[in-house]
């Protein structure tokens, strides 16, 4: 055992958590949609145990591939976990033909959501299994810069055998 002393007292627990998921909903992503719908209540329950009193909002943006009928859907934020689960369960993992998807555009939609200001945590998790089009690299980096400027932390999760390009 070792003792670690931090040189600051910290600012205490956050007042809120805005947790948004930007998720690929093409045909290969059904298992990720099922996981999110099944586990989000346990995740938020654990968060409420760790930090009681923290106001949690869940957000969802879904995306597909160019050429699919509905490419990006922004559901916004909700405090209602059951409503969030309904949004996720209502998404159908169809479409996509492999190859670049609208990753950068969907990330931009997620970053532009109405994130709260103040003493809180803002986390955006992007889940997908295909890379963005190389022509969209600058747009992707611009969205991540804007996220950082708004104190939104962005995490990417590769899913369903993600290609090396995705990382």
N, C-alpha and C. Protein backbone atom coordinates (compact mmCIF):
# COMPACT_ATOMS: atom_id res chain seq x y z
N UNK A 1 0.84 -1.19 0.00
CA UNK A 1 0.00 0.00 0.00
C UNK A 1 0.88 1.23 0.00
N UNK A 2 0.41 2.23 -0.76
CA UNK A 2 1.11 3.50 -0.77
C UNK A 2 0.11 4.60 -0.60
N UNK A 3 0.53 5.65 0.04
CA UNK A 3 -0.34 6.81 0.24
C UNK A 3 -0.01 7.85 -0.82
N UNK A 4 -1.05 8.41 -1.42
CA UNK A 4 -0.88 9.47 -2.41
C UNK A 4 -1.60 10.70 -1.89
N UNK A 5 -0.87 11.79 -1.73
CA UNK A 5 -1.45 13.06 -1.30
C UNK A 5 -1.59 13.97 -2.51
N UNK A 6 -2.78 14.46 -2.70
CA UNK A 6 -3.03 15.37 -3.81
C UNK A 6 -2.86 16.80 -3.33
N UNK A 7 -2.32 17.67 -4.17
CA UNK A 7 -2.04 19.04 -3.73
C UNK A 7 -3.25 19.97 -3.78
N UNK A 8 -4.44 19.42 -3.91
CA UNK A 8 -5.64 20.25 -3.96
C UNK A 8 -6.78 19.52 -3.27
N UNK A 9 -7.77 20.29 -2.85
CA UNK A 9 -8.90 19.69 -2.13
C UNK A 9 -9.96 19.17 -3.08
N UNK A 10 -9.91 19.55 -4.34
CA UNK A 10 -10.92 19.15 -5.31
C UNK A 10 -12.13 20.07 -5.23
N UNK A 11 -13.04 19.90 -6.16
CA UNK A 11 -14.22 20.77 -6.18
C UNK A 11 -15.48 20.03 -5.78
N UNK A 12 -15.33 18.80 -5.32
CA UNK A 12 -16.50 18.04 -4.89
C UNK A 12 -17.22 17.42 -6.07
N UNK A 13 -18.33 16.74 -5.76
CA UNK A 13 -19.06 16.06 -6.84
C UNK A 13 -19.71 17.07 -7.79
N UNK A 14 -19.93 16.66 -9.02
CA UNK A 14 -20.58 17.55 -9.97
C UNK A 14 -22.06 17.70 -9.63
N UNK A 15 -22.65 18.78 -10.11
CA UNK A 15 -24.09 18.98 -9.94
C UNK A 15 -24.90 18.18 -10.95
N UNK A 16 -24.29 17.92 -12.11
CA UNK A 16 -25.02 17.22 -13.16
C UNK A 16 -24.08 16.38 -14.01
N UNK A 17 -24.69 15.45 -14.76
CA UNK A 17 -24.00 14.67 -15.77
C UNK A 17 -24.88 14.68 -17.02
N UNK A 18 -24.33 15.16 -18.11
CA UNK A 18 -24.94 15.02 -19.43
C UNK A 18 -24.15 13.92 -20.13
N UNK A 19 -24.81 12.80 -20.43
CA UNK A 19 -24.18 11.64 -21.05
C UNK A 19 -24.90 11.34 -22.35
N UNK A 20 -24.21 11.58 -23.47
CA UNK A 20 -24.83 11.37 -24.78
C UNK A 20 -24.11 10.26 -25.53
N UNK A 21 -24.90 9.50 -26.28
CA UNK A 21 -24.37 8.44 -27.13
C UNK A 21 -24.65 8.82 -28.58
N UNK A 22 -23.61 8.75 -29.40
CA UNK A 22 -23.74 8.94 -30.84
C UNK A 22 -23.41 7.57 -31.42
N UNK A 23 -24.44 6.89 -31.95
CA UNK A 23 -24.26 5.47 -32.28
C UNK A 23 -24.67 5.14 -33.71
N UNK A 24 -23.83 4.35 -34.33
CA UNK A 24 -24.06 3.79 -35.66
C UNK A 24 -25.21 2.79 -35.55
N UNK A 25 -26.21 2.92 -36.42
CA UNK A 25 -27.34 1.99 -36.38
C UNK A 25 -27.50 1.25 -37.70
N UNK A 26 -26.37 1.01 -38.38
CA UNK A 26 -26.44 0.19 -39.59
C UNK A 26 -26.57 -1.28 -39.20
N UNK A 27 -26.72 -2.14 -40.18
CA UNK A 27 -27.08 -3.54 -39.97
C UNK A 27 -26.22 -4.33 -39.01
N UNK A 28 -24.96 -4.01 -38.89
CA UNK A 28 -24.06 -4.79 -38.04
C UNK A 28 -24.10 -4.39 -36.57
N UNK A 29 -24.92 -3.40 -36.21
CA UNK A 29 -24.85 -2.81 -34.88
C UNK A 29 -25.97 -3.24 -33.92
N UNK A 30 -26.74 -4.27 -34.27
CA UNK A 30 -27.85 -4.67 -33.39
C UNK A 30 -27.39 -5.06 -31.99
N UNK A 31 -26.27 -5.76 -31.91
CA UNK A 31 -25.80 -6.19 -30.57
C UNK A 31 -25.44 -4.99 -29.70
N UNK A 32 -24.89 -3.92 -30.27
CA UNK A 32 -24.57 -2.72 -29.49
C UNK A 32 -25.84 -1.99 -29.05
N UNK A 33 -26.83 -1.93 -29.94
CA UNK A 33 -28.11 -1.32 -29.55
C UNK A 33 -28.76 -2.11 -28.42
N UNK A 34 -28.73 -3.44 -28.52
CA UNK A 34 -29.31 -4.29 -27.47
C UNK A 34 -28.57 -4.08 -26.15
N UNK A 35 -27.23 -4.01 -26.21
CA UNK A 35 -26.44 -3.79 -25.00
C UNK A 35 -26.82 -2.47 -24.34
N UNK A 36 -26.87 -1.40 -25.14
CA UNK A 36 -27.16 -0.08 -24.58
C UNK A 36 -28.54 -0.05 -23.94
N UNK A 37 -29.53 -0.61 -24.62
CA UNK A 37 -30.89 -0.63 -24.07
C UNK A 37 -30.96 -1.45 -22.78
N UNK A 38 -30.24 -2.56 -22.74
CA UNK A 38 -30.29 -3.44 -21.57
C UNK A 38 -29.51 -2.91 -20.38
N UNK A 39 -28.42 -2.21 -20.63
CA UNK A 39 -27.51 -1.85 -19.55
C UNK A 39 -27.56 -0.41 -19.08
N UNK A 40 -28.26 0.47 -19.78
CA UNK A 40 -28.23 1.88 -19.40
C UNK A 40 -28.84 2.11 -18.02
N UNK A 41 -29.87 1.37 -17.65
CA UNK A 41 -30.47 1.54 -16.32
C UNK A 41 -29.47 1.16 -15.23
N UNK A 42 -28.72 0.09 -15.44
CA UNK A 42 -27.70 -0.32 -14.47
C UNK A 42 -26.58 0.71 -14.40
N UNK A 43 -26.19 1.25 -15.55
CA UNK A 43 -25.13 2.26 -15.59
C UNK A 43 -25.56 3.51 -14.82
N UNK A 44 -26.75 4.01 -15.10
CA UNK A 44 -27.20 5.22 -14.42
C UNK A 44 -27.47 4.94 -12.94
N UNK A 45 -27.95 3.75 -12.62
CA UNK A 45 -28.15 3.38 -11.22
C UNK A 45 -26.84 3.40 -10.45
N UNK A 46 -25.81 2.86 -11.05
CA UNK A 46 -24.48 2.86 -10.42
C UNK A 46 -23.98 4.30 -10.26
N UNK A 47 -24.19 5.12 -11.27
CA UNK A 47 -23.77 6.53 -11.17
C UNK A 47 -24.49 7.23 -10.03
N UNK A 48 -25.77 6.95 -9.88
CA UNK A 48 -26.55 7.59 -8.80
C UNK A 48 -26.09 7.11 -7.42
N UNK A 49 -25.59 5.87 -7.34
CA UNK A 49 -25.06 5.35 -6.09
C UNK A 49 -23.74 6.03 -5.75
N UNK A 50 -22.89 6.17 -6.75
CA UNK A 50 -21.58 6.79 -6.55
C UNK A 50 -21.70 8.27 -6.21
N UNK A 51 -22.60 8.96 -6.90
CA UNK A 51 -22.75 10.41 -6.72
C UNK A 51 -24.23 10.75 -6.54
N UNK A 52 -24.78 10.48 -5.35
CA UNK A 52 -26.20 10.77 -5.14
C UNK A 52 -26.47 12.27 -5.29
N UNK A 53 -27.62 12.57 -5.85
CA UNK A 53 -28.00 13.96 -6.03
C UNK A 53 -27.56 14.57 -7.35
N UNK A 54 -26.75 13.85 -8.11
CA UNK A 54 -26.32 14.37 -9.40
C UNK A 54 -27.47 14.22 -10.40
N UNK A 55 -27.79 15.30 -11.09
CA UNK A 55 -28.87 15.31 -12.08
C UNK A 55 -28.34 14.73 -13.39
N UNK A 56 -28.88 13.59 -13.80
CA UNK A 56 -28.37 12.89 -14.99
C UNK A 56 -29.34 13.06 -16.15
N UNK A 57 -28.79 13.50 -17.29
CA UNK A 57 -29.54 13.52 -18.54
C UNK A 57 -28.85 12.60 -19.53
N UNK A 58 -29.64 11.86 -20.28
CA UNK A 58 -29.14 10.96 -21.32
C UNK A 58 -29.51 11.52 -22.68
N UNK A 59 -28.58 11.46 -23.61
CA UNK A 59 -28.84 11.95 -24.95
C UNK A 59 -28.52 10.89 -25.99
N UNK A 60 -29.17 11.02 -27.14
CA UNK A 60 -28.96 10.03 -28.20
C UNK A 60 -28.97 10.70 -29.56
N UNK A 61 -27.97 10.34 -30.37
CA UNK A 61 -27.92 10.66 -31.79
C UNK A 61 -27.62 9.33 -32.49
N UNK A 62 -28.44 8.97 -33.47
CA UNK A 62 -28.18 7.75 -34.23
C UNK A 62 -27.80 8.13 -35.66
N UNK A 63 -27.00 7.28 -36.27
CA UNK A 63 -26.59 7.57 -37.65
C UNK A 63 -26.42 6.29 -38.46
N UNK A 64 -26.50 6.46 -39.77
CA UNK A 64 -26.36 5.34 -40.70
C UNK A 64 -25.32 5.70 -41.76
N UNK A 65 -25.46 5.15 -42.91
CA UNK A 65 -24.51 5.39 -44.00
C UNK A 65 -25.15 6.30 -45.05
N UNK A 66 -24.33 7.01 -45.81
CA UNK A 66 -24.90 7.81 -46.89
C UNK A 66 -25.76 6.93 -47.79
N UNK A 67 -26.90 7.44 -48.18
CA UNK A 67 -27.81 6.69 -49.05
C UNK A 67 -28.92 5.96 -48.31
N UNK A 68 -28.77 5.77 -46.99
CA UNK A 68 -29.87 5.18 -46.22
C UNK A 68 -30.97 6.22 -46.09
N UNK A 69 -32.24 5.78 -45.92
CA UNK A 69 -33.36 6.73 -45.89
C UNK A 69 -33.23 7.84 -44.83
N UNK A 70 -32.97 7.49 -43.60
CA UNK A 70 -32.76 8.49 -42.55
C UNK A 70 -31.32 8.32 -42.09
N UNK A 71 -30.51 9.34 -42.32
CA UNK A 71 -29.09 9.19 -42.06
C UNK A 71 -28.72 9.56 -40.63
N UNK A 72 -29.23 10.68 -40.11
CA UNK A 72 -28.92 11.11 -38.74
C UNK A 72 -30.21 11.48 -38.04
N UNK A 73 -30.38 10.98 -36.80
CA UNK A 73 -31.53 11.35 -35.97
C UNK A 73 -31.02 11.87 -34.63
N UNK A 74 -31.49 13.03 -34.23
CA UNK A 74 -31.12 13.63 -32.96
C UNK A 74 -32.32 13.55 -32.02
N UNK A 75 -32.21 12.77 -30.97
CA UNK A 75 -33.30 12.61 -30.02
C UNK A 75 -33.23 13.63 -28.88
N UNK A 76 -32.10 14.30 -28.75
CA UNK A 76 -31.94 15.28 -27.68
C UNK A 76 -31.58 14.61 -26.36
N UNK A 77 -31.86 15.31 -25.26
CA UNK A 77 -31.58 14.82 -23.92
C UNK A 77 -32.88 14.53 -23.18
N UNK A 78 -32.82 13.59 -22.24
CA UNK A 78 -33.94 13.30 -21.35
C UNK A 78 -33.40 12.88 -19.99
N UNK A 79 -34.17 13.14 -18.96
CA UNK A 79 -33.85 12.64 -17.61
C UNK A 79 -34.52 11.28 -17.38
N UNK A 80 -35.37 10.88 -18.28
CA UNK A 80 -36.17 9.67 -18.15
C UNK A 80 -35.45 8.48 -18.80
N UNK A 81 -34.90 7.60 -17.97
CA UNK A 81 -34.15 6.45 -18.49
C UNK A 81 -35.03 5.57 -19.36
N UNK A 82 -36.29 5.39 -18.97
CA UNK A 82 -37.20 4.56 -19.78
C UNK A 82 -37.44 5.16 -21.16
N UNK A 83 -37.54 6.49 -21.23
CA UNK A 83 -37.70 7.14 -22.53
C UNK A 83 -36.46 6.91 -23.38
N UNK A 84 -35.29 7.02 -22.77
CA UNK A 84 -34.05 6.79 -23.50
C UNK A 84 -34.00 5.35 -24.03
N UNK A 85 -34.35 4.39 -23.19
CA UNK A 85 -34.37 2.99 -23.62
C UNK A 85 -35.34 2.82 -24.78
N UNK A 86 -36.48 3.49 -24.72
CA UNK A 86 -37.44 3.43 -25.83
C UNK A 86 -36.86 3.97 -27.12
N UNK A 87 -36.10 5.06 -27.02
CA UNK A 87 -35.45 5.61 -28.22
C UNK A 87 -34.51 4.57 -28.83
N UNK A 88 -33.68 3.97 -27.97
CA UNK A 88 -32.70 2.99 -28.46
C UNK A 88 -33.40 1.78 -29.05
N UNK A 89 -34.42 1.27 -28.36
CA UNK A 89 -35.14 0.09 -28.86
C UNK A 89 -35.90 0.39 -30.14
N UNK A 90 -36.25 1.63 -30.36
CA UNK A 90 -36.97 2.02 -31.57
C UNK A 90 -36.08 2.11 -32.81
N UNK A 91 -34.79 2.11 -32.58
CA UNK A 91 -33.86 2.16 -33.72
C UNK A 91 -33.70 0.77 -34.33
N UNK A 92 -33.66 0.71 -35.64
CA UNK A 92 -33.48 -0.56 -36.33
C UNK A 92 -32.09 -0.61 -36.93
N UNK A 93 -31.38 -1.68 -36.63
CA UNK A 93 -30.04 -1.87 -37.17
C UNK A 93 -30.17 -2.43 -38.59
N UNK A 94 -30.37 -1.51 -39.52
CA UNK A 94 -30.49 -1.89 -40.93
C UNK A 94 -29.69 -0.90 -41.77
N UNK A 95 -29.48 -1.26 -43.01
CA UNK A 95 -28.81 -0.36 -43.93
C UNK A 95 -27.30 -0.47 -43.81
N UNK A 96 -26.64 0.45 -44.50
CA UNK A 96 -25.19 0.43 -44.54
C UNK A 96 -24.71 -0.65 -45.49
N UNK A 97 -23.63 -0.39 -46.13
CA UNK A 97 -23.09 -1.38 -47.07
C UNK A 97 -21.62 -1.60 -46.81
N UNK A 98 -21.17 -1.24 -45.62
CA UNK A 98 -19.74 -1.30 -45.34
C UNK A 98 -19.06 -0.07 -45.91
N UNK A 99 -18.00 0.32 -45.33
CA UNK A 99 -17.29 1.50 -45.80
C UNK A 99 -17.67 2.74 -45.02
N UNK A 100 -17.16 3.88 -45.45
CA UNK A 100 -17.33 5.12 -44.69
C UNK A 100 -18.80 5.46 -44.41
N UNK A 101 -19.01 5.94 -43.18
CA UNK A 101 -20.34 6.36 -42.75
C UNK A 101 -20.28 7.83 -42.33
N UNK A 102 -21.39 8.37 -41.91
CA UNK A 102 -21.47 9.80 -41.61
C UNK A 102 -21.00 10.10 -40.18
N UNK A 103 -19.89 9.53 -39.82
CA UNK A 103 -19.33 9.64 -38.47
C UNK A 103 -19.11 11.10 -38.08
N UNK A 104 -18.45 11.86 -38.93
CA UNK A 104 -18.14 13.26 -38.61
C UNK A 104 -19.41 14.10 -38.48
N UNK A 105 -20.35 13.90 -39.38
CA UNK A 105 -21.59 14.67 -39.34
C UNK A 105 -22.40 14.33 -38.08
N UNK A 106 -22.43 13.06 -37.71
CA UNK A 106 -23.15 12.66 -36.51
C UNK A 106 -22.47 13.20 -35.25
N UNK A 107 -21.14 13.19 -35.24
CA UNK A 107 -20.42 13.76 -34.11
C UNK A 107 -20.75 15.24 -33.98
N UNK A 108 -20.80 15.95 -35.10
CA UNK A 108 -21.14 17.38 -35.07
C UNK A 108 -22.53 17.59 -34.44
N UNK A 109 -23.50 16.76 -34.83
CA UNK A 109 -24.84 16.87 -34.26
C UNK A 109 -24.78 16.65 -32.74
N UNK A 110 -24.01 15.66 -32.31
CA UNK A 110 -23.86 15.40 -30.88
C UNK A 110 -23.21 16.56 -30.14
N UNK A 111 -22.17 17.11 -30.72
CA UNK A 111 -21.48 18.24 -30.08
C UNK A 111 -22.39 19.46 -29.99
N UNK A 112 -23.27 19.63 -30.96
CA UNK A 112 -24.16 20.80 -30.99
C UNK A 112 -25.42 20.63 -30.14
N UNK A 113 -25.55 19.52 -29.44
CA UNK A 113 -26.70 19.33 -28.56
C UNK A 113 -26.66 20.38 -27.44
N UNK A 114 -27.76 20.61 -26.74
CA UNK A 114 -27.79 21.63 -25.68
C UNK A 114 -27.15 21.15 -24.37
N UNK A 115 -25.83 21.11 -24.36
CA UNK A 115 -25.08 20.71 -23.17
C UNK A 115 -25.22 21.79 -22.10
N UNK A 116 -25.36 21.36 -20.87
CA UNK A 116 -25.49 22.33 -19.78
C UNK A 116 -24.13 22.93 -19.43
N UNK A 117 -24.19 24.14 -18.90
CA UNK A 117 -23.00 24.82 -18.42
C UNK A 117 -22.96 24.71 -16.91
N UNK A 118 -21.83 24.99 -16.34
CA UNK A 118 -21.72 24.99 -14.90
C UNK A 118 -20.90 23.82 -14.39
N UNK A 119 -21.08 23.51 -13.12
CA UNK A 119 -20.30 22.48 -12.44
C UNK A 119 -20.90 21.11 -12.73
N UNK A 120 -20.47 20.52 -13.81
CA UNK A 120 -20.99 19.23 -14.20
C UNK A 120 -20.05 18.52 -15.14
N UNK A 121 -20.43 17.31 -15.48
CA UNK A 121 -19.67 16.49 -16.42
C UNK A 121 -20.46 16.37 -17.71
N UNK A 122 -19.76 16.47 -18.82
CA UNK A 122 -20.35 16.36 -20.15
C UNK A 122 -19.56 15.30 -20.90
N UNK A 123 -20.23 14.17 -21.20
CA UNK A 123 -19.54 13.06 -21.84
C UNK A 123 -20.32 12.62 -23.06
N UNK A 124 -19.61 12.51 -24.18
CA UNK A 124 -20.20 12.02 -25.43
C UNK A 124 -19.44 10.76 -25.81
N UNK A 125 -20.18 9.68 -26.00
CA UNK A 125 -19.58 8.40 -26.40
C UNK A 125 -20.06 8.07 -27.80
N UNK A 126 -19.13 7.98 -28.74
CA UNK A 126 -19.47 7.63 -30.12
C UNK A 126 -19.13 6.17 -30.33
N UNK A 127 -20.14 5.40 -30.79
CA UNK A 127 -19.99 3.96 -30.96
C UNK A 127 -20.23 3.62 -32.42
N UNK A 128 -19.28 2.95 -33.04
CA UNK A 128 -19.44 2.58 -34.44
C UNK A 128 -18.47 1.50 -34.86
N UNK A 129 -18.64 1.03 -36.09
CA UNK A 129 -17.74 -0.01 -36.59
C UNK A 129 -17.19 0.28 -37.98
N UNK A 130 -17.45 1.45 -38.49
CA UNK A 130 -16.91 1.85 -39.80
C UNK A 130 -16.28 3.22 -39.67
N UNK A 131 -15.28 3.50 -40.49
CA UNK A 131 -14.59 4.79 -40.41
C UNK A 131 -15.39 5.91 -41.08
N UNK A 132 -14.94 7.11 -40.81
CA UNK A 132 -15.51 8.25 -41.53
C UNK A 132 -14.85 8.35 -42.89
N UNK A 133 -15.52 9.03 -43.79
CA UNK A 133 -14.93 9.29 -45.11
C UNK A 133 -13.71 10.19 -44.91
N UNK A 134 -12.60 9.89 -45.59
CA UNK A 134 -11.39 10.69 -45.43
C UNK A 134 -11.62 12.16 -45.75
N UNK A 135 -12.57 12.43 -46.63
CA UNK A 135 -12.87 13.83 -46.97
C UNK A 135 -13.52 14.57 -45.80
N UNK A 136 -13.93 13.84 -44.76
CA UNK A 136 -14.58 14.44 -43.60
C UNK A 136 -13.65 14.56 -42.39
N UNK A 137 -12.37 14.27 -42.56
CA UNK A 137 -11.44 14.29 -41.43
C UNK A 137 -11.38 15.67 -40.78
N UNK A 138 -11.30 16.72 -41.58
CA UNK A 138 -11.24 18.07 -41.01
C UNK A 138 -12.52 18.40 -40.23
N UNK A 139 -13.66 17.98 -40.74
CA UNK A 139 -14.94 18.23 -40.05
C UNK A 139 -14.96 17.47 -38.72
N UNK A 140 -14.42 16.27 -38.71
CA UNK A 140 -14.37 15.48 -37.49
C UNK A 140 -13.51 16.18 -36.44
N UNK A 141 -12.32 16.62 -36.85
CA UNK A 141 -11.43 17.30 -35.90
C UNK A 141 -12.01 18.63 -35.43
N UNK A 142 -12.70 19.33 -36.32
CA UNK A 142 -13.35 20.59 -35.92
C UNK A 142 -14.42 20.32 -34.86
N UNK A 143 -15.17 19.24 -35.03
CA UNK A 143 -16.20 18.90 -34.04
C UNK A 143 -15.55 18.56 -32.69
N UNK A 144 -14.43 17.83 -32.71
CA UNK A 144 -13.78 17.51 -31.45
C UNK A 144 -13.19 18.75 -30.79
N UNK A 145 -12.68 19.68 -31.57
CA UNK A 145 -12.19 20.96 -31.01
C UNK A 145 -13.33 21.72 -30.35
N UNK A 146 -14.48 21.77 -31.03
CA UNK A 146 -15.64 22.47 -30.46
C UNK A 146 -16.13 21.78 -29.19
N UNK A 147 -16.07 20.45 -29.18
CA UNK A 147 -16.46 19.72 -27.98
C UNK A 147 -15.55 20.11 -26.81
N UNK A 148 -14.26 20.15 -27.05
CA UNK A 148 -13.32 20.52 -25.99
C UNK A 148 -13.59 21.94 -25.50
N UNK A 149 -13.89 22.84 -26.41
CA UNK A 149 -14.17 24.23 -26.02
C UNK A 149 -15.43 24.32 -25.16
N UNK A 150 -16.35 23.35 -25.30
CA UNK A 150 -17.58 23.32 -24.50
C UNK A 150 -17.46 22.40 -23.29
N UNK A 151 -16.24 21.95 -23.02
CA UNK A 151 -15.97 21.02 -21.91
C UNK A 151 -16.72 19.70 -22.06
N UNK A 152 -16.89 19.25 -23.28
CA UNK A 152 -17.51 17.95 -23.55
C UNK A 152 -16.38 16.97 -23.86
N UNK A 153 -16.31 15.91 -23.07
CA UNK A 153 -15.32 14.87 -23.30
C UNK A 153 -15.87 13.89 -24.34
N UNK A 154 -15.08 13.56 -25.34
CA UNK A 154 -15.51 12.66 -26.40
C UNK A 154 -14.70 11.37 -26.30
N UNK A 155 -15.44 10.25 -26.26
CA UNK A 155 -14.82 8.93 -26.23
C UNK A 155 -15.36 8.13 -27.41
N UNK A 156 -14.49 7.43 -28.10
CA UNK A 156 -14.90 6.59 -29.21
C UNK A 156 -14.77 5.13 -28.85
N UNK A 157 -15.79 4.35 -29.20
CA UNK A 157 -15.76 2.91 -28.97
C UNK A 157 -15.91 2.19 -30.30
N UNK A 158 -14.92 1.40 -30.65
CA UNK A 158 -15.02 0.57 -31.84
C UNK A 158 -15.84 -0.66 -31.52
N UNK A 159 -16.74 -1.04 -32.42
CA UNK A 159 -17.66 -2.14 -32.15
C UNK A 159 -17.73 -3.11 -33.33
N UNK A 160 -18.27 -4.28 -33.08
CA UNK A 160 -18.57 -5.27 -34.12
C UNK A 160 -17.40 -5.52 -35.07
N UNK A 161 -16.23 -5.73 -34.53
CA UNK A 161 -15.07 -6.01 -35.38
C UNK A 161 -14.64 -4.79 -36.16
N UNK A 162 -14.57 -3.66 -35.51
CA UNK A 162 -14.21 -2.39 -36.16
C UNK A 162 -12.91 -2.52 -36.94
N UNK A 163 -12.87 -1.87 -38.05
CA UNK A 163 -11.68 -1.87 -38.89
C UNK A 163 -10.59 -1.02 -38.25
N UNK A 164 -9.36 -1.29 -38.60
CA UNK A 164 -8.23 -0.54 -38.08
C UNK A 164 -8.33 0.96 -38.38
N UNK A 165 -8.90 1.32 -39.52
CA UNK A 165 -9.05 2.73 -39.89
C UNK A 165 -9.90 3.49 -38.90
N UNK A 166 -10.84 2.82 -38.27
CA UNK A 166 -11.74 3.48 -37.34
C UNK A 166 -10.98 4.12 -36.19
N UNK A 167 -10.00 3.41 -35.66
CA UNK A 167 -9.23 3.95 -34.55
C UNK A 167 -8.43 5.14 -35.00
